[in-house]
């Protein structure tokens, strides 16, 4: 017996000149769920009126806003140390969470931040906890899940530390975002997903050749996608999956951009062709 799972499409670039034109192509590709970020074309979703206007436009196109990547336009990592910056960071994330929850978002992804200088790890983790203490309950009140994303070399948390934090924090609205590209750089992508699996609420799917975070279209790198798809099918808290390939003119690691229809077809082929019994779309 197969089951279905939502696959939300993210256009992984802020260089969107016109929201309607860009997402018209997305809708025509047969996509129905999309991922938002703070800046989408001419709209700044930190501004409530602009978030609502973007939401109305997407609804007109038949698109559902189901996920959001956290603020990236200012100090935005949860481990920000300066008190004023930390307060502003939490406030910005909270505002974007509130604005996108109104549009229907069910997951909100945040980064912990980079590795601190020697002797400052405990303080950095303290700042992460302080942020989650505010954003976790807020997510719960909004009907969302706060998803902490795994990193790679140079990040504050190893995969094991990140899992331990969420496990020990033990809040129903606090989970993990598994990033396939980051996991592949650090080791076996499927094994990392199985480690994180009990706490994964959303995933960022893209490829690389392990040399750096290339955000390639699946199949253009070296990730073993059937193994990742098998591990993904075992995640009990998964709300949806998200595409996150860079697919635009000027991205240094990719060939010429694919059409949204071709890109969507590749994702569906990679995930649905693994024979896991889960149909993504």
C-alpha atoms as a PDB file:
ATOM      1  CA  UNK A   1       0.000   0.000   0.000  1.00  0.00           C
ATOM      2  CA  UNK A   2       1.562   3.286  -1.087  1.00  0.00           C
ATOM      3  CA  UNK A   3       1.158   6.585   0.706  1.00  0.00           C
ATOM      4  CA  UNK A   4       1.635  10.138  -0.480  1.00  0.00           C
ATOM      5  CA  UNK A   5       3.914  12.863   0.870  1.00  0.00           C
ATOM      6  CA  UNK A   6       4.019  16.511  -0.045  1.00  0.00           C
ATOM      7  CA  UNK A   7       7.041  17.780  -2.002  1.00  0.00           C
ATOM      8  CA  UNK A   8       7.331  21.547  -1.747  1.00  0.00           C
ATOM      9  CA  UNK A   9       9.245  23.460  -4.396  1.00  0.00           C
ATOM     10  CA  UNK A  10      11.780  26.126  -3.479  1.00  0.00           C
ATOM     11  CA  UNK A  11      13.288  28.452  -6.065  1.00  0.00           C
ATOM     12  CA  UNK A  12      16.710  28.687  -4.461  1.00  0.00           C
ATOM     13  CA  UNK A  13      17.661  32.246  -5.312  1.00  0.00           C
ATOM     14  CA  UNK A  14      16.541  35.675  -4.163  1.00  0.00           C
ATOM     15  CA  UNK A  15      16.926  36.984  -7.744  1.00  0.00           C
ATOM     16  CA  UNK A  16      13.262  36.700  -8.691  1.00  0.00           C
ATOM     17  CA  UNK A  17      12.337  39.823 -10.661  1.00  0.00           C
ATOM     18  CA  UNK A  18       8.589  39.255 -10.692  1.00  0.00           C
ATOM     19  CA  UNK A  19       6.684  36.864  -8.449  1.00  0.00           C
ATOM     20  CA  UNK A  20       3.728  36.252 -10.750  1.00  0.00           C
ATOM     21  CA  UNK A  21       5.820  35.504 -13.842  1.00  0.00           C
ATOM     22  CA  UNK A  22       8.178  33.176 -11.979  1.00  0.00           C
ATOM     23  CA  UNK A  23       5.524  31.230 -10.122  1.00  0.00           C
ATOM     24  CA  UNK A  24       3.251  31.005 -13.131  1.00  0.00           C
ATOM     25  CA  UNK A  25       5.894  28.701 -14.621  1.00  0.00           C
ATOM     26  CA  UNK A  26       5.973  26.772 -11.351  1.00  0.00           C
ATOM     27  CA  UNK A  27       2.203  26.277 -11.414  1.00  0.00           C
ATOM     28  CA  UNK A  28       2.258  25.267 -15.081  1.00  0.00           C
ATOM     29  CA  UNK A  29       4.817  22.566 -14.230  1.00  0.00           C
ATOM     30  CA  UNK A  30       2.178  20.826 -12.123  1.00  0.00           C
ATOM     31  CA  UNK A  31       3.652  21.904  -8.802  1.00  0.00           C
ATOM     32  CA  UNK A  32       1.160  22.681  -6.040  1.00  0.00           C
ATOM     33  CA  UNK A  33       3.208  23.341  -2.883  1.00  0.00           C
ATOM     34  CA  UNK A  34       5.944  25.958  -2.532  1.00  0.00           C
ATOM     35  CA  UNK A  35       8.548  27.144  -0.038  1.00  0.00           C
ATOM     36  CA  UNK A  36       8.835  30.811   0.882  1.00  0.00           C
ATOM     37  CA  UNK A  37      11.792  32.872   2.017  1.00  0.00           C
ATOM     38  CA  UNK A  38      11.844  36.401   3.373  1.00  0.00           C
ATOM     39  CA  UNK A  39      12.351  38.049  -0.014  1.00  0.00           C
ATOM     40  CA  UNK A  40      10.293  36.689  -2.897  1.00  0.00           C
ATOM     41  CA  UNK A  41      10.573  38.938  -5.921  1.00  0.00           C
ATOM     42  CA  UNK A  42       9.087  42.331  -5.139  1.00  0.00           C
ATOM     43  CA  UNK A  43       7.659  41.154  -1.808  1.00  0.00           C
ATOM     44  CA  UNK A  44       9.328  41.317   1.621  1.00  0.00           C
ATOM     45  CA  UNK A  45       7.496  38.766   3.744  1.00  0.00           C
ATOM     46  CA  UNK A  46       8.700  40.421   6.951  1.00  0.00           C
ATOM     47  CA  UNK A  47       6.098  43.082   6.156  1.00  0.00           C
ATOM     48  CA  UNK A  48       2.637  41.652   6.944  1.00  0.00           C
ATOM     49  CA  UNK A  49       0.829  43.455   4.130  1.00  0.00           C
ATOM     50  CA  UNK A  50       3.398  42.293   1.576  1.00  0.00           C
ATOM     51  CA  UNK A  51       3.281  38.731   2.877  1.00  0.00           C
ATOM     52  CA  UNK A  52      -0.497  38.695   2.479  1.00  0.00           C
ATOM     53  CA  UNK A  53      -0.248  40.158  -1.025  1.00  0.00           C
ATOM     54  CA  UNK A  54       2.263  37.489  -2.049  1.00  0.00           C
ATOM     55  CA  UNK A  55       0.011  34.842  -0.539  1.00  0.00           C
ATOM     56  CA  UNK A  56      -3.006  36.081  -2.500  1.00  0.00           C
ATOM     57  CA  UNK A  57      -1.025  36.035  -5.741  1.00  0.00           C
ATOM     58  CA  UNK A  58       0.183  32.485  -5.153  1.00  0.00           C
ATOM     59  CA  UNK A  59      -3.313  31.341  -4.249  1.00  0.00           C
ATOM     60  CA  UNK A  60      -4.583  32.767  -7.540  1.00  0.00           C
ATOM     61  CA  UNK A  61      -2.010  30.580  -9.287  1.00  0.00           C
ATOM     62  CA  UNK A  62      -3.217  27.483  -7.421  1.00  0.00           C
ATOM     63  CA  UNK A  63      -0.105  27.264  -5.235  1.00  0.00           C
ATOM     64  CA  UNK A  64      -0.093  26.464  -1.511  1.00  0.00           C
ATOM     65  CA  UNK A  65       2.551  27.989   0.767  1.00  0.00           C
ATOM     66  CA  UNK A  66       3.555  25.142   3.104  1.00  0.00           C
ATOM     67  CA  UNK A  67       7.127  25.884   4.218  1.00  0.00           C
ATOM     68  CA  UNK A  68       9.466  28.762   4.934  1.00  0.00           C
ATOM     69  CA  UNK A  69      13.225  29.125   5.221  1.00  0.00           C
ATOM     70  CA  UNK A  70      14.207  31.488   8.025  1.00  0.00           C
ATOM     71  CA  UNK A  71      15.466  35.045   7.758  1.00  0.00           C
ATOM     72  CA  UNK A  72      18.861  35.389   6.049  1.00  0.00           C
ATOM     73  CA  UNK A  73      19.141  39.161   5.441  1.00  0.00           C
ATOM     74  CA  UNK A  74      20.667  40.128   8.812  1.00  0.00           C
ATOM     75  CA  UNK A  75      22.374  38.403  11.752  1.00  0.00           C
ATOM     76  CA  UNK A  76      20.023  35.452  11.789  1.00  0.00           C
ATOM     77  CA  UNK A  77      21.836  32.447  13.290  1.00  0.00           C
ATOM     78  CA  UNK A  78      20.418  31.244  16.601  1.00  0.00           C
ATOM     79  CA  UNK A  79      23.872  31.397  18.202  1.00  0.00           C
ATOM     80  CA  UNK A  80      24.308  35.180  17.696  1.00  0.00           C
ATOM     81  CA  UNK A  81      26.163  36.359  20.802  1.00  0.00           C
ATOM     82  CA  UNK A  82      25.576  40.119  21.092  1.00  0.00           C
ATOM     83  CA  UNK A  83      22.476  40.703  23.212  1.00  0.00           C
ATOM     84  CA  UNK A  84      20.901  43.331  20.970  1.00  0.00           C
ATOM     85  CA  UNK A  85      21.592  41.313  17.827  1.00  0.00           C
ATOM     86  CA  UNK A  86      20.196  38.186  19.440  1.00  0.00           C
ATOM     87  CA  UNK A  87      17.005  39.976  20.439  1.00  0.00           C
ATOM     88  CA  UNK A  88      16.618  41.403  16.928  1.00  0.00           C
ATOM     89  CA  UNK A  89      17.282  37.979  15.383  1.00  0.00           C
ATOM     90  CA  UNK A  90      14.600  36.292  17.469  1.00  0.00           C
ATOM     91  CA  UNK A  91      12.155  39.104  16.731  1.00  0.00           C
ATOM     92  CA  UNK A  92      12.767  38.844  12.971  1.00  0.00           C
ATOM     93  CA  UNK A  93      12.306  35.070  12.947  1.00  0.00           C
ATOM     94  CA  UNK A  94       9.150  35.390  15.036  1.00  0.00           C
ATOM     95  CA  UNK A  95       7.717  37.980  12.646  1.00  0.00           C
ATOM     96  CA  UNK A  96       8.416  35.863   9.570  1.00  0.00           C
ATOM     97  CA  UNK A  97       6.968  32.809  11.302  1.00  0.00           C
ATOM     98  CA  UNK A  98       3.775  34.689  12.137  1.00  0.00           C
ATOM     99  CA  UNK A  99       3.436  36.157   8.641  1.00  0.00           C
ATOM    100  CA  UNK A 100       4.000  32.872   6.834  1.00  0.00           C
ATOM    101  CA  UNK A 101       1.873  30.838   9.252  1.00  0.00           C
ATOM    102  CA  UNK A 102      -0.989  33.057   8.111  1.00  0.00           C
ATOM    103  CA  UNK A 103      -0.258  31.836   4.556  1.00  0.00           C
ATOM    104  CA  UNK A 104      -0.348  28.179   5.604  1.00  0.00           C
ATOM    105  CA  UNK A 105       3.303  27.374   6.386  1.00  0.00           C
ATOM    106  CA  UNK A 106       3.784  24.268   8.489  1.00  0.00           C
ATOM    107  CA  UNK A 107       7.596  24.195   8.873  1.00  0.00           C
ATOM    108  CA  UNK A 108      10.128  26.950   9.492  1.00  0.00           C
ATOM    109  CA  UNK A 109      13.852  26.227   9.034  1.00  0.00           C
ATOM    110  CA  UNK A 110      16.628  27.939  10.999  1.00  0.00           C
ATOM    111  CA  UNK A 111      20.430  27.697  11.160  1.00  0.00           C
ATOM    112  CA  UNK A 112      22.370  27.425  14.411  1.00  0.00           C
ATOM    113  CA  UNK A 113      25.440  29.213  13.081  1.00  0.00           C
ATOM    114  CA  UNK A 114      29.145  28.685  12.602  1.00  0.00           C
ATOM    115  CA  UNK A 115      31.697  27.241  14.984  1.00  0.00           C
ATOM    116  CA  UNK A 116      32.664  29.872  17.593  1.00  0.00           C
ATOM    117  CA  UNK A 117      36.150  30.746  18.712  1.00  0.00           C
ATOM    118  CA  UNK A 118      37.863  28.449  21.186  1.00  0.00           C
ATOM    119  CA  UNK A 119      36.226  28.468  24.591  1.00  0.00           C
ATOM    120  CA  UNK A 120      32.928  29.931  23.408  1.00  0.00           C
ATOM    121  CA  UNK A 121      30.977  26.797  22.483  1.00  0.00           C
ATOM    122  CA  UNK A 122      28.990  26.645  25.713  1.00  0.00           C
ATOM    123  CA  UNK A 123      27.951  30.283  25.328  1.00  0.00           C
ATOM    124  CA  UNK A 124      26.945  29.683  21.696  1.00  0.00           C
ATOM    125  CA  UNK A 125      24.785  26.716  22.671  1.00  0.00           C
ATOM    126  CA  UNK A 126      23.261  28.834  25.426  1.00  0.00           C
ATOM    127  CA  UNK A 127      22.201  31.382  22.830  1.00  0.00           C
ATOM    128  CA  UNK A 128      20.698  28.637  20.671  1.00  0.00           C
ATOM    129  CA  UNK A 129      18.656  27.367  23.604  1.00  0.00           C
ATOM    130  CA  UNK A 130      17.551  30.888  24.478  1.00  0.00           C
ATOM    131  CA  UNK A 131      16.273  31.404  20.920  1.00  0.00           C
ATOM    132  CA  UNK A 132      14.516  28.030  20.809  1.00  0.00           C
ATOM    133  CA  UNK A 133      12.897  28.785  24.180  1.00  0.00           C
ATOM    134  CA  UNK A 134      11.019  31.594  22.410  1.00  0.00           C
ATOM    135  CA  UNK A 135      10.611  30.245  18.889  1.00  0.00           C
ATOM    136  CA  UNK A 136       9.594  26.692  19.812  1.00  0.00           C
ATOM    137  CA  UNK A 137       6.478  27.643  21.794  1.00  0.00           C
ATOM    138  CA  UNK A 138       5.654  30.254  19.156  1.00  0.00           C
ATOM    139  CA  UNK A 139       5.825  27.590  16.452  1.00  0.00           C
ATOM    140  CA  UNK A 140       3.515  25.381  18.474  1.00  0.00           C
ATOM    141  CA  UNK A 141       0.989  28.191  18.901  1.00  0.00           C
ATOM    142  CA  UNK A 142       1.062  28.816  15.137  1.00  0.00           C
ATOM    143  CA  UNK A 143       0.625  25.170  14.191  1.00  0.00           C
ATOM    144  CA  UNK A 144       4.154  25.009  12.786  1.00  0.00           C
ATOM    145  CA  UNK A 145       7.304  23.007  13.436  1.00  0.00           C
ATOM    146  CA  UNK A 146      10.599  24.795  14.089  1.00  0.00           C
ATOM    147  CA  UNK A 147      13.259  22.860  12.143  1.00  0.00           C
ATOM    148  CA  UNK A 148      16.954  23.140  13.061  1.00  0.00           C
ATOM    149  CA  UNK A 149      19.111  22.424  10.016  1.00  0.00           C
ATOM    150  CA  UNK A 150      22.205  20.232   9.980  1.00  0.00           C
ATOM    151  CA  UNK A 151      25.427  21.778   8.751  1.00  0.00           C
ATOM    152  CA  UNK A 152      28.858  20.698   7.586  1.00  0.00           C
ATOM    153  CA  UNK A 153      32.470  21.676   8.291  1.00  0.00           C
ATOM    154  CA  UNK A 154      32.642  24.976  10.157  1.00  0.00           C
ATOM    155  CA  UNK A 155      29.190  24.770  11.760  1.00  0.00           C
ATOM    156  CA  UNK A 156      28.524  24.938  15.491  1.00  0.00           C
ATOM    157  CA  UNK A 157      26.885  21.520  15.763  1.00  0.00           C
ATOM    158  CA  UNK A 158      27.949  18.119  14.535  1.00  0.00           C
ATOM    159  CA  UNK A 159      25.122  15.886  13.359  1.00  0.00           C
ATOM    160  CA  UNK A 160      25.290  13.957  16.627  1.00  0.00           C
ATOM    161  CA  UNK A 161      25.207  17.145  18.734  1.00  0.00           C
ATOM    162  CA  UNK A 162      22.251  18.490  16.799  1.00  0.00           C
ATOM    163  CA  UNK A 163      20.271  15.271  17.279  1.00  0.00           C
ATOM    164  CA  UNK A 164      21.130  15.217  20.990  1.00  0.00           C
ATOM    165  CA  UNK A 165      19.994  18.813  21.431  1.00  0.00           C
ATOM    166  CA  UNK A 166      16.566  18.228  19.871  1.00  0.00           C
ATOM    167  CA  UNK A 167      16.159  14.878  21.637  1.00  0.00           C
ATOM    168  CA  UNK A 168      16.947  16.360  25.043  1.00  0.00           C
ATOM    169  CA  UNK A 169      14.967  19.550  24.411  1.00  0.00           C
ATOM    170  CA  UNK A 170      11.952  17.318  23.834  1.00  0.00           C
ATOM    171  CA  UNK A 171       9.398  19.812  22.552  1.00  0.00           C
ATOM    172  CA  UNK A 172       6.622  18.722  20.166  1.00  0.00           C
ATOM    173  CA  UNK A 173       7.135  21.718  17.859  1.00  0.00           C
ATOM    174  CA  UNK A 174      10.953  21.503  17.707  1.00  0.00           C
ATOM    175  CA  UNK A 175      12.491  19.161  15.158  1.00  0.00           C
ATOM    176  CA  UNK A 176      15.175  18.880  12.527  1.00  0.00           C
ATOM    177  CA  UNK A 177      15.631  19.843   8.904  1.00  0.00           C
ATOM    178  CA  UNK A 178      17.825  17.319   7.127  1.00  0.00           C
ATOM    179  CA  UNK A 179      19.895  18.897   4.362  1.00  0.00           C
ATOM    180  CA  UNK A 180      21.033  16.182   1.946  1.00  0.00           C
ATOM    181  CA  UNK A 181      23.881  18.231   0.484  1.00  0.00           C
ATOM    182  CA  UNK A 182      25.315  19.069   3.895  1.00  0.00           C
ATOM    183  CA  UNK A 183      25.010  15.447   4.993  1.00  0.00           C
ATOM    184  CA  UNK A 184      26.802  14.208   1.863  1.00  0.00           C
ATOM    185  CA  UNK A 185      29.769  16.476   2.521  1.00  0.00           C
ATOM    186  CA  UNK A 186      30.099  15.097   6.046  1.00  0.00           C
ATOM    187  CA  UNK A 187      29.626  11.388   5.324  1.00  0.00           C
ATOM    188  CA  UNK A 188      27.048   8.947   4.042  1.00  0.00           C
ATOM    189  CA  UNK A 189      23.914  10.966   3.287  1.00  0.00           C
ATOM    190  CA  UNK A 190      21.505   8.112   3.996  1.00  0.00           C
ATOM    191  CA  UNK A 191      23.217   7.208   7.278  1.00  0.00           C
ATOM    192  CA  UNK A 192      22.996  10.830   8.443  1.00  0.00           C
ATOM    193  CA  UNK A 193      19.278  10.840   7.613  1.00  0.00           C
ATOM    194  CA  UNK A 194      18.752   7.648   9.610  1.00  0.00           C
ATOM    195  CA  UNK A 195      20.551   9.252  12.561  1.00  0.00           C
ATOM    196  CA  UNK A 196      18.373  12.351  12.353  1.00  0.00           C
ATOM    197  CA  UNK A 197      15.244  10.485  11.219  1.00  0.00           C
ATOM    198  CA  UNK A 198      13.190  10.331  14.438  1.00  0.00           C
ATOM    199  CA  UNK A 199      13.245  14.137  14.668  1.00  0.00           C
ATOM    200  CA  UNK A 200      13.123  15.173  10.995  1.00  0.00           C
ATOM    201  CA  UNK A 201      10.111  17.326  10.089  1.00  0.00           C
ATOM    202  CA  UNK A 202      11.327  18.571   6.704  1.00  0.00           C
ATOM    203  CA  UNK A 203      14.243  18.007   4.333  1.00  0.00           C
ATOM    204  CA  UNK A 204      16.247  20.064   1.829  1.00  0.00           C
ATOM    205  CA  UNK A 205      17.083  17.933  -1.192  1.00  0.00           C
ATOM    206  CA  UNK A 206      19.964  18.818  -3.512  1.00  0.00           C
ATOM    207  CA  UNK A 207      23.181  17.195  -4.740  1.00  0.00           C
ATOM    208  CA  UNK A 208      26.953  17.783  -4.797  1.00  0.00           C
ATOM    209  CA  UNK A 209      30.209  15.951  -5.493  1.00  0.00           C
ATOM    210  CA  UNK A 210      31.290  16.271  -1.795  1.00  0.00           C
ATOM    211  CA  UNK A 211      33.792  19.047  -2.572  1.00  0.00           C
ATOM    212  CA  UNK A 212      31.485  21.869  -1.405  1.00  0.00           C
ATOM    213  CA  UNK A 213      27.832  22.856  -1.002  1.00  0.00           C
ATOM    214  CA  UNK A 214      26.982  23.025  -4.717  1.00  0.00           C
ATOM    215  CA  UNK A 215      23.162  22.782  -4.550  1.00  0.00           C
ATOM    216  CA  UNK A 216      23.050  20.673  -7.697  1.00  0.00           C
ATOM    217  CA  UNK A 217      19.956  19.131  -9.224  1.00  0.00           C
ATOM    218  CA  UNK A 218      19.653  15.520  -7.982  1.00  0.00           C
ATOM    219  CA  UNK A 219      21.655  13.218 -10.219  1.00  0.00           C
ATOM    220  CA  UNK A 220      24.251  15.832 -11.153  1.00  0.00           C
ATOM    221  CA  UNK A 221      26.305  15.003  -8.068  1.00  0.00           C
ATOM    222  CA  UNK A 222      27.221  11.768  -6.302  1.00  0.00           C
ATOM    223  CA  UNK A 223      24.525  11.259  -3.659  1.00  0.00           C
ATOM    224  CA  UNK A 224      23.030   7.749  -3.610  1.00  0.00           C
ATOM    225  CA  UNK A 225      19.426   8.901  -3.987  1.00  0.00           C
ATOM    226  CA  UNK A 226      17.701   5.486  -3.704  1.00  0.00           C
ATOM    227  CA  UNK A 227      19.315   5.032  -0.267  1.00  0.00           C
ATOM    228  CA  UNK A 228      18.285   8.537   0.801  1.00  0.00           C
ATOM    229  CA  UNK A 229      14.725   7.919  -0.410  1.00  0.00           C
ATOM    230  CA  UNK A 230      14.574   4.693   1.578  1.00  0.00           C
ATOM    231  CA  UNK A 231      15.714   6.486   4.744  1.00  0.00           C
ATOM    232  CA  UNK A 232      13.293   9.338   4.069  1.00  0.00           C
ATOM    233  CA  UNK A 233      10.370   6.928   3.942  1.00  0.00           C
ATOM    234  CA  UNK A 234      11.199   5.884   7.517  1.00  0.00           C
ATOM    235  CA  UNK A 235      10.995   9.380   9.085  1.00  0.00           C
ATOM    236  CA  UNK A 236       7.951   9.308  11.400  1.00  0.00           C
ATOM    237  CA  UNK A 237       7.563  13.085  11.893  1.00  0.00           C
ATOM    238  CA  UNK A 238       8.122  14.183   8.289  1.00  0.00           C
ATOM    239  CA  UNK A 239       5.670  16.937   7.339  1.00  0.00           C
ATOM    240  CA  UNK A 240       6.936  17.379   3.790  1.00  0.00           C
ATOM    241  CA  UNK A 241      10.091  17.373   1.665  1.00  0.00           C
ATOM    242  CA  UNK A 242      11.552  20.432  -0.070  1.00  0.00           C
ATOM    243  CA  UNK A 243      13.530  20.905  -3.275  1.00  0.00           C
ATOM    244  CA  UNK A 244      16.593  23.123  -2.898  1.00  0.00           C
ATOM    245  CA  UNK A 245      18.633  22.924  -6.089  1.00  0.00           C
ATOM    246  CA  UNK A 246      20.159  26.101  -7.467  1.00  0.00           C
ATOM    247  CA  UNK A 247      18.748  26.429 -10.971  1.00  0.00           C
ATOM    248  CA  UNK A 248      19.463  29.854 -12.386  1.00  0.00           C
ATOM    249  CA  UNK A 249      21.815  31.696 -14.730  1.00  0.00           C
ATOM    250  CA  UNK A 250      25.115  32.468 -13.072  1.00  0.00           C
ATOM    251  CA  UNK A 251      25.243  29.657 -10.517  1.00  0.00           C
ATOM    252  CA  UNK A 252      28.864  28.529 -10.941  1.00  0.00           C
ATOM    253  CA  UNK A 253      28.368  24.803 -10.345  1.00  0.00           C
ATOM    254  CA  UNK A 254      25.454  24.114 -12.690  1.00  0.00           C
ATOM    255  CA  UNK A 255      24.953  23.939 -16.450  1.00  0.00           C
ATOM    256  CA  UNK A 256      22.263  25.994 -18.133  1.00  0.00           C
ATOM    257  CA  UNK A 257      19.091  26.203 -16.025  1.00  0.00           C
ATOM    258  CA  UNK A 258      16.409  23.611 -16.495  1.00  0.00           C
ATOM    259  CA  UNK A 259      12.773  24.554 -16.966  1.00  0.00           C
ATOM    260  CA  UNK A 260      10.654  24.262 -13.824  1.00  0.00           C
ATOM    261  CA  UNK A 261       8.840  21.334 -15.465  1.00  0.00           C
ATOM    262  CA  UNK A 262      12.113  19.484 -16.154  1.00  0.00           C
ATOM    263  CA  UNK A 263      13.383  20.192 -12.645  1.00  0.00           C
ATOM    264  CA  UNK A 264      10.181  18.979 -11.022  1.00  0.00           C
ATOM    265  CA  UNK A 265      10.194  15.839 -13.158  1.00  0.00           C
ATOM    266  CA  UNK A 266      13.742  15.018 -12.038  1.00  0.00           C
ATOM    267  CA  UNK A 267      12.828  15.335  -8.360  1.00  0.00           C
ATOM    268  CA  UNK A 268       9.773  13.123  -8.801  1.00  0.00           C
ATOM    269  CA  UNK A 269      11.825  10.595 -10.774  1.00  0.00           C
ATOM    270  CA  UNK A 270      14.539  10.420  -8.112  1.00  0.00           C
ATOM    271  CA  UNK A 271      12.174  10.116  -5.159  1.00  0.00           C
ATOM    272  CA  UNK A 272       9.370   8.059  -6.658  1.00  0.00           C
ATOM    273  CA  UNK A 273      11.646   5.771  -8.643  1.00  0.00           C
ATOM    274  CA  UNK A 274      13.218   4.343  -5.500  1.00  0.00           C
ATOM    275  CA  UNK A 275      10.293   2.001  -4.860  1.00  0.00           C
ATOM    276  CA  UNK A 276       9.825   2.959  -1.214  1.00  0.00           C
ATOM    277  CA  UNK A 277       6.040   2.934  -1.284  1.00  0.00           C
ATOM    278  CA  UNK A 278       5.924   6.695  -0.734  1.00  0.00           C
ATOM    279  CA  UNK A 279       4.756   8.892  -3.633  1.00  0.00           C
ATOM    280  CA  UNK A 280       6.063  12.461  -3.515  1.00  0.00           C
ATOM    281  CA  UNK A 281       4.371  15.243  -5.399  1.00  0.00           C
END
